[in-house]
C-alpha atoms as a PDB file:
ATOM      1  CA  UNK A   1       0.000   0.000   0.000  1.00  0.00           C
ATOM      2  CA  UNK A   2       2.816   2.424   0.865  1.00  0.00           C
ATOM      3  CA  UNK A   3       4.573   1.710  -2.436  1.00  0.00           C
ATOM      4  CA  UNK A   4       1.375   2.329  -4.427  1.00  0.00           C
ATOM      5  CA  UNK A   5       0.686   5.557  -2.532  1.00  0.00           C
ATOM      6  CA  UNK A   6       4.227   6.786  -3.111  1.00  0.00           C
ATOM      7  CA  UNK A   7       3.879   6.060  -6.827  1.00  0.00           C
ATOM      8  CA  UNK A   8       0.660   8.040  -7.064  1.00  0.00           C
ATOM      9  CA  UNK A   9       2.202  10.989  -5.244  1.00  0.00           C
ATOM     10  CA  UNK A  10       5.296  10.907  -7.466  1.00  0.00           C
ATOM     11  CA  UNK A  11       3.179  10.977 -10.614  1.00  0.00           C
ATOM     12  CA  UNK A  12       0.972  13.758  -9.328  1.00  0.00           C
ATOM     13  CA  UNK A  13       3.647  16.157  -8.115  1.00  0.00           C
ATOM     14  CA  UNK A  14       5.064  16.546 -11.590  1.00  0.00           C
ATOM     15  CA  UNK A  15       8.388  17.092 -13.347  1.00  0.00           C
ATOM     16  CA  UNK A  16      11.488  18.343 -11.662  1.00  0.00           C
ATOM     17  CA  UNK A  17      10.569  17.330  -8.137  1.00  0.00           C
ATOM     18  CA  UNK A  18      12.982  14.407  -7.953  1.00  0.00           C
ATOM     19  CA  UNK A  19      16.060  16.302  -9.051  1.00  0.00           C
ATOM     20  CA  UNK A  20      18.096  14.764  -6.256  1.00  0.00           C
ATOM     21  CA  UNK A  21      17.916  11.455  -8.133  1.00  0.00           C
ATOM     22  CA  UNK A  22      18.248  12.450 -11.794  1.00  0.00           C
ATOM     23  CA  UNK A  23      19.229   9.020 -13.081  1.00  0.00           C
ATOM     24  CA  UNK A  24      15.918   7.382 -12.196  1.00  0.00           C
ATOM     25  CA  UNK A  25      13.619  10.311 -11.456  1.00  0.00           C
ATOM     26  CA  UNK A  26      11.271   9.566 -14.340  1.00  0.00           C
ATOM     27  CA  UNK A  27      11.074   5.847 -13.631  1.00  0.00           C
ATOM     28  CA  UNK A  28       9.994   6.698 -10.086  1.00  0.00           C
ATOM     29  CA  UNK A  29       7.442   9.226 -11.264  1.00  0.00           C
ATOM     30  CA  UNK A  30       5.820   6.714 -13.631  1.00  0.00           C
ATOM     31  CA  UNK A  31       5.750   3.868 -11.116  1.00  0.00           C
ATOM     32  CA  UNK A  32       1.971   4.251 -10.978  1.00  0.00           C
ATOM     33  CA  UNK A  33       1.854   3.553 -14.724  1.00  0.00           C
ATOM     34  CA  UNK A  34       3.984   0.426 -14.513  1.00  0.00           C
ATOM     35  CA  UNK A  35       1.810  -0.965 -11.719  1.00  0.00           C
ATOM     36  CA  UNK A  36      -0.714  -1.875 -14.446  1.00  0.00           C
ATOM     37  CA  UNK A  37       1.293  -1.722 -17.665  1.00  0.00           C
ATOM     38  CA  UNK A  38       4.093  -3.889 -16.345  1.00  0.00           C
ATOM     39  CA  UNK A  39       7.765  -3.341 -15.618  1.00  0.00           C
ATOM     40  CA  UNK A  40       9.040  -0.499 -17.817  1.00  0.00           C
ATOM     41  CA  UNK A  41       5.657  -0.452 -19.553  1.00  0.00           C
ATOM     42  CA  UNK A  42       6.335  -3.701 -21.407  1.00  0.00           C
ATOM     43  CA  UNK A  43       3.172  -5.432 -20.025  1.00  0.00           C
ATOM     44  CA  UNK A  44       2.541  -9.091 -20.875  1.00  0.00           C
ATOM     45  CA  UNK A  45       0.610 -10.763 -23.650  1.00  0.00           C
ATOM     46  CA  UNK A  46      -1.906 -12.601 -21.483  1.00  0.00           C
ATOM     47  CA  UNK A  47      -3.697  -9.826 -19.611  1.00  0.00           C
ATOM     48  CA  UNK A  48      -5.816  -6.843 -20.559  1.00  0.00           C
ATOM     49  CA  UNK A  49      -3.441  -3.932 -20.100  1.00  0.00           C
ATOM     50  CA  UNK A  50      -1.580  -2.910 -23.266  1.00  0.00           C
ATOM     51  CA  UNK A  51       2.139  -2.482 -23.713  1.00  0.00           C
ATOM     52  CA  UNK A  52       3.159   1.174 -23.791  1.00  0.00           C
ATOM     53  CA  UNK A  53       6.946   0.798 -24.059  1.00  0.00           C
ATOM     54  CA  UNK A  54       8.166   1.688 -27.533  1.00  0.00           C
ATOM     55  CA  UNK A  55       4.841   3.048 -28.781  1.00  0.00           C
ATOM     56  CA  UNK A  56       5.074   6.334 -30.734  1.00  0.00           C
ATOM     57  CA  UNK A  57       5.207   9.323 -28.407  1.00  0.00           C
ATOM     58  CA  UNK A  58       2.458  11.128 -30.311  1.00  0.00           C
ATOM     59  CA  UNK A  59       0.135   8.172 -29.878  1.00  0.00           C
ATOM     60  CA  UNK A  60       0.820   7.831 -26.155  1.00  0.00           C
ATOM     61  CA  UNK A  61       0.353  11.554 -25.650  1.00  0.00           C
ATOM     62  CA  UNK A  62      -2.944  11.533 -27.550  1.00  0.00           C
ATOM     63  CA  UNK A  63      -4.259   8.686 -25.399  1.00  0.00           C
ATOM     64  CA  UNK A  64      -3.305  10.413 -22.164  1.00  0.00           C
ATOM     65  CA  UNK A  65      -5.126  13.534 -23.342  1.00  0.00           C
ATOM     66  CA  UNK A  66      -8.122  11.442 -24.423  1.00  0.00           C
ATOM     67  CA  UNK A  67      -8.373   9.908 -20.941  1.00  0.00           C
ATOM     68  CA  UNK A  68      -8.037  13.306 -19.298  1.00  0.00           C
ATOM     69  CA  UNK A  69     -10.679  14.873 -21.536  1.00  0.00           C
ATOM     70  CA  UNK A  70     -13.170  11.994 -21.401  1.00  0.00           C
ATOM     71  CA  UNK A  71     -12.847  10.546 -24.889  1.00  0.00           C
ATOM     72  CA  UNK A  72     -11.608   7.355 -23.268  1.00  0.00           C
ATOM     73  CA  UNK A  73     -13.077   6.079 -20.025  1.00  0.00           C
ATOM     74  CA  UNK A  74     -11.185   4.108 -17.392  1.00  0.00           C
ATOM     75  CA  UNK A  75     -11.496   5.512 -13.893  1.00  0.00           C
ATOM     76  CA  UNK A  76      -7.981   4.666 -12.600  1.00  0.00           C
ATOM     77  CA  UNK A  77      -6.368   6.311 -15.642  1.00  0.00           C
ATOM     78  CA  UNK A  78      -8.520   9.413 -15.358  1.00  0.00           C
ATOM     79  CA  UNK A  79      -7.761   9.659 -11.654  1.00  0.00           C
ATOM     80  CA  UNK A  80      -4.015   9.498 -12.256  1.00  0.00           C
ATOM     81  CA  UNK A  81      -3.781  12.151 -14.954  1.00  0.00           C
ATOM     82  CA  UNK A  82      -6.803  14.379 -14.429  1.00  0.00           C
ATOM     83  CA  UNK A  83      -4.728  17.289 -13.118  1.00  0.00           C
ATOM     84  CA  UNK A  84      -1.548  16.838 -15.153  1.00  0.00           C
ATOM     85  CA  UNK A  85      -0.492  19.437 -17.719  1.00  0.00           C
ATOM     86  CA  UNK A  86      -0.002  18.841 -21.426  1.00  0.00           C
ATOM     87  CA  UNK A  87       3.736  19.305 -20.966  1.00  0.00           C
ATOM     88  CA  UNK A  88       3.917  16.649 -18.280  1.00  0.00           C
ATOM     89  CA  UNK A  89       1.791  14.195 -20.286  1.00  0.00           C
ATOM     90  CA  UNK A  90       4.154  14.691 -23.221  1.00  0.00           C
ATOM     91  CA  UNK A  91       7.124  14.019 -20.953  1.00  0.00           C
ATOM     92  CA  UNK A  92       5.545  10.736 -19.824  1.00  0.00           C
ATOM     93  CA  UNK A  93       4.781   9.781 -23.424  1.00  0.00           C
ATOM     94  CA  UNK A  94       8.324  10.484 -24.571  1.00  0.00           C
ATOM     95  CA  UNK A  95       9.738   8.455 -21.698  1.00  0.00           C
ATOM     96  CA  UNK A  96       7.852   5.285 -22.617  1.00  0.00           C
ATOM     97  CA  UNK A  97       8.327   5.842 -26.350  1.00  0.00           C
ATOM     98  CA  UNK A  98      12.095   5.853 -25.834  1.00  0.00           C
ATOM     99  CA  UNK A  99      12.157   2.342 -24.338  1.00  0.00           C
ATOM    100  CA  UNK A 100      13.212  -0.415 -26.729  1.00  0.00           C
ATOM    101  CA  UNK A 101      12.495  -3.675 -24.933  1.00  0.00           C
ATOM    102  CA  UNK A 102      11.936  -7.268 -26.068  1.00  0.00           C
ATOM    103  CA  UNK A 103       8.431  -8.534 -26.692  1.00  0.00           C
ATOM    104  CA  UNK A 104       6.953 -11.781 -25.339  1.00  0.00           C
ATOM    105  CA  UNK A 105       6.158 -14.677 -27.710  1.00  0.00           C
ATOM    106  CA  UNK A 106       2.757 -14.705 -29.449  1.00  0.00           C
ATOM    107  CA  UNK A 107      -0.165 -15.141 -27.085  1.00  0.00           C
ATOM    108  CA  UNK A 108      -2.572 -17.088 -29.305  1.00  0.00           C
ATOM    109  CA  UNK A 109      -1.124 -20.533 -29.949  1.00  0.00           C
ATOM    110  CA  UNK A 110      -4.287 -22.394 -30.914  1.00  0.00           C
ATOM    111  CA  UNK A 111      -7.155 -20.993 -32.963  1.00  0.00           C
ATOM    112  CA  UNK A 112      -9.291 -22.337 -35.769  1.00  0.00           C
ATOM    113  CA  UNK A 113      -7.445 -22.027 -39.109  1.00  0.00           C
ATOM    114  CA  UNK A 114     -10.466 -20.430 -40.746  1.00  0.00           C
ATOM    115  CA  UNK A 115     -10.627 -17.819 -38.002  1.00  0.00           C
ATOM    116  CA  UNK A 116      -6.957 -16.955 -38.406  1.00  0.00           C
ATOM    117  CA  UNK A 117      -7.305 -16.762 -42.178  1.00  0.00           C
ATOM    118  CA  UNK A 118     -10.213 -14.352 -41.888  1.00  0.00           C
ATOM    119  CA  UNK A 119      -8.179 -12.199 -39.528  1.00  0.00           C
ATOM    120  CA  UNK A 120      -5.145 -12.317 -41.827  1.00  0.00           C
ATOM    121  CA  UNK A 121      -7.173 -11.167 -44.834  1.00  0.00           C
ATOM    122  CA  UNK A 122      -8.721  -8.273 -42.945  1.00  0.00           C
ATOM    123  CA  UNK A 123      -5.413  -7.185 -41.423  1.00  0.00           C
ATOM    124  CA  UNK A 124      -3.410  -7.388 -44.638  1.00  0.00           C
ATOM    125  CA  UNK A 125      -6.005  -6.743 -47.350  1.00  0.00           C
ATOM    126  CA  UNK A 126      -9.151  -5.358 -45.738  1.00  0.00           C
ATOM    127  CA  UNK A 127     -12.552  -5.837 -47.355  1.00  0.00           C
ATOM    128  CA  UNK A 128     -13.100  -3.452 -50.242  1.00  0.00           C
ATOM    129  CA  UNK A 129     -16.756  -4.411 -50.671  1.00  0.00           C
ATOM    130  CA  UNK A 130     -17.508  -3.239 -47.114  1.00  0.00           C
ATOM    131  CA  UNK A 131     -15.091  -0.289 -47.259  1.00  0.00           C
ATOM    132  CA  UNK A 132     -12.908  -1.781 -44.541  1.00  0.00           C
ATOM    133  CA  UNK A 133      -9.267  -0.765 -45.062  1.00  0.00           C
ATOM    134  CA  UNK A 134      -6.462  -3.163 -44.197  1.00  0.00           C
ATOM    135  CA  UNK A 135      -4.785  -2.637 -40.829  1.00  0.00           C
ATOM    136  CA  UNK A 136      -1.434  -2.317 -42.622  1.00  0.00           C
ATOM    137  CA  UNK A 137      -2.629   0.769 -44.498  1.00  0.00           C
ATOM    138  CA  UNK A 138      -2.444   2.822 -41.292  1.00  0.00           C
ATOM    139  CA  UNK A 139      -0.412   0.753 -38.830  1.00  0.00           C
ATOM    140  CA  UNK A 140       2.508   0.054 -41.165  1.00  0.00           C
ATOM    141  CA  UNK A 141       3.481  -2.909 -43.340  1.00  0.00           C
ATOM    142  CA  UNK A 142       5.009  -4.682 -40.344  1.00  0.00           C
ATOM    143  CA  UNK A 143       2.091  -3.640 -38.083  1.00  0.00           C
ATOM    144  CA  UNK A 144       4.577  -2.044 -35.677  1.00  0.00           C
ATOM    145  CA  UNK A 145       3.000   1.408 -36.044  1.00  0.00           C
ATOM    146  CA  UNK A 146       4.081   4.610 -37.743  1.00  0.00           C
ATOM    147  CA  UNK A 147       5.598   7.760 -36.339  1.00  0.00           C
ATOM    148  CA  UNK A 148       4.483   9.955 -34.755  1.00  0.00           C
ATOM    149  CA  UNK A 149       0.954   8.900 -33.825  1.00  0.00           C
ATOM    150  CA  UNK A 150      -0.032   5.426 -35.082  1.00  0.00           C
ATOM    151  CA  UNK A 151       0.468   2.511 -32.663  1.00  0.00           C
ATOM    152  CA  UNK A 152       1.726  -0.965 -33.411  1.00  0.00           C
ATOM    153  CA  UNK A 153      -0.825  -3.772 -33.201  1.00  0.00           C
ATOM    154  CA  UNK A 154       1.437  -6.751 -32.516  1.00  0.00           C
ATOM    155  CA  UNK A 155       2.307  -7.977 -29.041  1.00  0.00           C
ATOM    156  CA  UNK A 156      -1.014  -6.817 -27.590  1.00  0.00           C
ATOM    157  CA  UNK A 157      -3.298  -9.087 -25.542  1.00  0.00           C
ATOM    158  CA  UNK A 158      -6.106 -10.616 -27.570  1.00  0.00           C
ATOM    159  CA  UNK A 159      -8.710  -9.449 -25.057  1.00  0.00           C
ATOM    160  CA  UNK A 160      -7.389  -5.895 -25.232  1.00  0.00           C
ATOM    161  CA  UNK A 161      -7.738  -5.745 -29.026  1.00  0.00           C
ATOM    162  CA  UNK A 162     -11.229  -7.230 -28.755  1.00  0.00           C
ATOM    163  CA  UNK A 163     -12.178  -4.745 -26.076  1.00  0.00           C
ATOM    164  CA  UNK A 164     -10.900  -1.674 -27.892  1.00  0.00           C
ATOM    165  CA  UNK A 165     -12.573  -2.512 -31.188  1.00  0.00           C
ATOM    166  CA  UNK A 166     -15.778  -3.133 -29.250  1.00  0.00           C
ATOM    167  CA  UNK A 167     -15.391   0.163 -27.404  1.00  0.00           C
ATOM    168  CA  UNK A 168     -15.090   2.036 -30.693  1.00  0.00           C
ATOM    169  CA  UNK A 169     -18.159   0.257 -32.077  1.00  0.00           C
ATOM    170  CA  UNK A 170     -20.226   1.290 -29.051  1.00  0.00           C
ATOM    171  CA  UNK A 171     -18.656   4.797 -28.886  1.00  0.00           C
ATOM    172  CA  UNK A 172     -17.243   4.157 -25.423  1.00  0.00           C
ATOM    173  CA  UNK A 173     -13.830   4.991 -26.878  1.00  0.00           C
ATOM    174  CA  UNK A 174     -13.418   8.082 -29.012  1.00  0.00           C
ATOM    175  CA  UNK A 175     -10.627  10.146 -30.502  1.00  0.00           C
ATOM    176  CA  UNK A 176     -10.213  13.600 -31.969  1.00  0.00           C
ATOM    177  CA  UNK A 177     -12.559  14.079 -34.922  1.00  0.00           C
ATOM    178  CA  UNK A 178     -12.609  12.792 -37.547  1.00  0.00           C
ATOM    179  CA  UNK A 179     -12.433   9.540 -35.598  1.00  0.00           C
ATOM    180  CA  UNK A 180     -11.219   7.118 -38.257  1.00  0.00           C
ATOM    181  CA  UNK A 181     -11.098   4.078 -35.994  1.00  0.00           C
ATOM    182  CA  UNK A 182     -14.696   4.584 -34.885  1.00  0.00           C
ATOM    183  CA  UNK A 183     -15.713   4.597 -38.548  1.00  0.00           C
ATOM    184  CA  UNK A 184     -13.740   1.450 -39.331  1.00  0.00           C
ATOM    185  CA  UNK A 185     -14.870  -0.408 -36.201  1.00  0.00           C
ATOM    186  CA  UNK A 186     -18.457   0.445 -37.041  1.00  0.00           C
ATOM    187  CA  UNK A 187     -18.088  -1.536 -40.269  1.00  0.00           C
ATOM    188  CA  UNK A 188     -16.791  -4.642 -38.502  1.00  0.00           C
ATOM    189  CA  UNK A 189     -19.081  -7.347 -37.193  1.00  0.00           C
ATOM    190  CA  UNK A 190     -18.443  -9.511 -34.139  1.00  0.00           C
ATOM    191  CA  UNK A 191     -16.845 -12.279 -36.198  1.00  0.00           C
ATOM    192  CA  UNK A 192     -14.471  -9.768 -37.820  1.00  0.00           C
ATOM    193  CA  UNK A 193     -13.372  -8.454 -34.424  1.00  0.00           C
ATOM    194  CA  UNK A 194     -12.757 -11.960 -33.110  1.00  0.00           C
ATOM    195  CA  UNK A 195     -10.757 -12.901 -36.199  1.00  0.00           C
ATOM    196  CA  UNK A 196      -8.619  -9.763 -36.219  1.00  0.00           C
ATOM    197  CA  UNK A 197      -7.744 -10.014 -32.533  1.00  0.00           C
ATOM    198  CA  UNK A 198      -6.954 -13.739 -32.846  1.00  0.00           C
ATOM    199  CA  UNK A 199      -4.670 -13.265 -35.861  1.00  0.00           C
ATOM    200  CA  UNK A 200      -2.854 -10.228 -34.476  1.00  0.00           C
ATOM    201  CA  UNK A 201      -2.184 -11.930 -31.141  1.00  0.00           C
ATOM    202  CA  UNK A 202      -0.848 -15.019 -32.946  1.00  0.00           C
ATOM    203  CA  UNK A 203       1.877 -13.095 -34.788  1.00  0.00           C
ATOM    204  CA  UNK A 204       5.486 -12.818 -33.630  1.00  0.00           C
ATOM    205  CA  UNK A 205       6.772  -9.290 -33.227  1.00  0.00           C
ATOM    206  CA  UNK A 206       9.613  -8.508 -35.648  1.00  0.00           C
ATOM    207  CA  UNK A 207      13.016  -7.416 -34.404  1.00  0.00           C
ATOM    208  CA  UNK A 208      13.472  -4.504 -34.328  1.00  0.00           C
ATOM    209  CA  UNK A 209       9.884  -3.496 -33.651  1.00  0.00           C
ATOM    210  CA  UNK A 210      10.327   0.252 -34.052  1.00  0.00           C
ATOM    211  CA  UNK A 211       7.459   2.252 -35.550  1.00  0.00           C
ATOM    212  CA  UNK A 212       8.066   3.042 -39.210  1.00  0.00           C
ATOM    213  CA  UNK A 213       8.371   6.599 -40.560  1.00  0.00           C
ATOM    214  CA  UNK A 214       5.050   8.038 -41.634  1.00  0.00           C
ATOM    215  CA  UNK A 215       4.421   7.035 -45.226  1.00  0.00           C
ATOM    216  CA  UNK A 216       3.731   9.670 -47.846  1.00  0.00           C
ATOM    217  CA  UNK A 217       0.819   7.558 -49.078  1.00  0.00           C
ATOM    218  CA  UNK A 218      -2.609   8.929 -48.307  1.00  0.00           C
ATOM    219  CA  UNK A 219      -4.395   7.277 -45.405  1.00  0.00           C
ATOM    220  CA  UNK A 220      -7.612   5.472 -46.369  1.00  0.00           C
ATOM    221  CA  UNK A 221      -9.698   7.753 -44.122  1.00  0.00           C
ATOM    222  CA  UNK A 222      -9.241  11.205 -42.597  1.00  0.00           C
ATOM    223  CA  UNK A 223      -7.924  10.720 -39.075  1.00  0.00           C
ATOM    224  CA  UNK A 224      -7.908  13.537 -36.539  1.00  0.00           C
ATOM    225  CA  UNK A 225      -5.217  11.881 -34.398  1.00  0.00           C
ATOM    226  CA  UNK A 226      -2.677  11.733 -37.205  1.00  0.00           C
ATOM    227  CA  UNK A 227      -0.906  14.953 -38.257  1.00  0.00           C
ATOM    228  CA  UNK A 228      -1.403  15.792 -41.910  1.00  0.00           C
END
């Protein structure tokens, strides 16, 4: 209990307050984050909390702002960051984005071949007839994300991917307008969501897993979270 309380206080009091210990000041200040997201933000592949280590800083910053401003809803997250400034949220985002750490092996080891094939087709090719773009069109050819604001999709827990796609479909998760993911998720049915999450969680993460540079190709949909 004392450790958790100290972590919350360290996060809340903001930058520059741990100057006496410059080498690990930030790691102490984000201890409240790693309590859920795992050591150094690397998480695991069998829970619900997503990995944040190595994600693009712009993406992490956007999500922190979305939690603070109510576009995403998870009470512990909102409680932690409700009173933090934009500058401090950006500092947290940059800290986790700078961490290059190994990923765990794929989570999904057994799944019906037809389910995995459906997920593969949607992730790599989309469904033109239903105006569903492929995941790779926005999240990069290797699905490791694109700088500065598009996250990687590999190495995430299957339940987390399921939950987030469902949250977009039901408008429990939102982003800055135009909300491209809400539009895409609205075109997916339950079987699509299950297939995509199964296939993504069955894939090994390439080494290195760094987000790719933003492509000059036009995104399939306008996306308010991605700088033009």
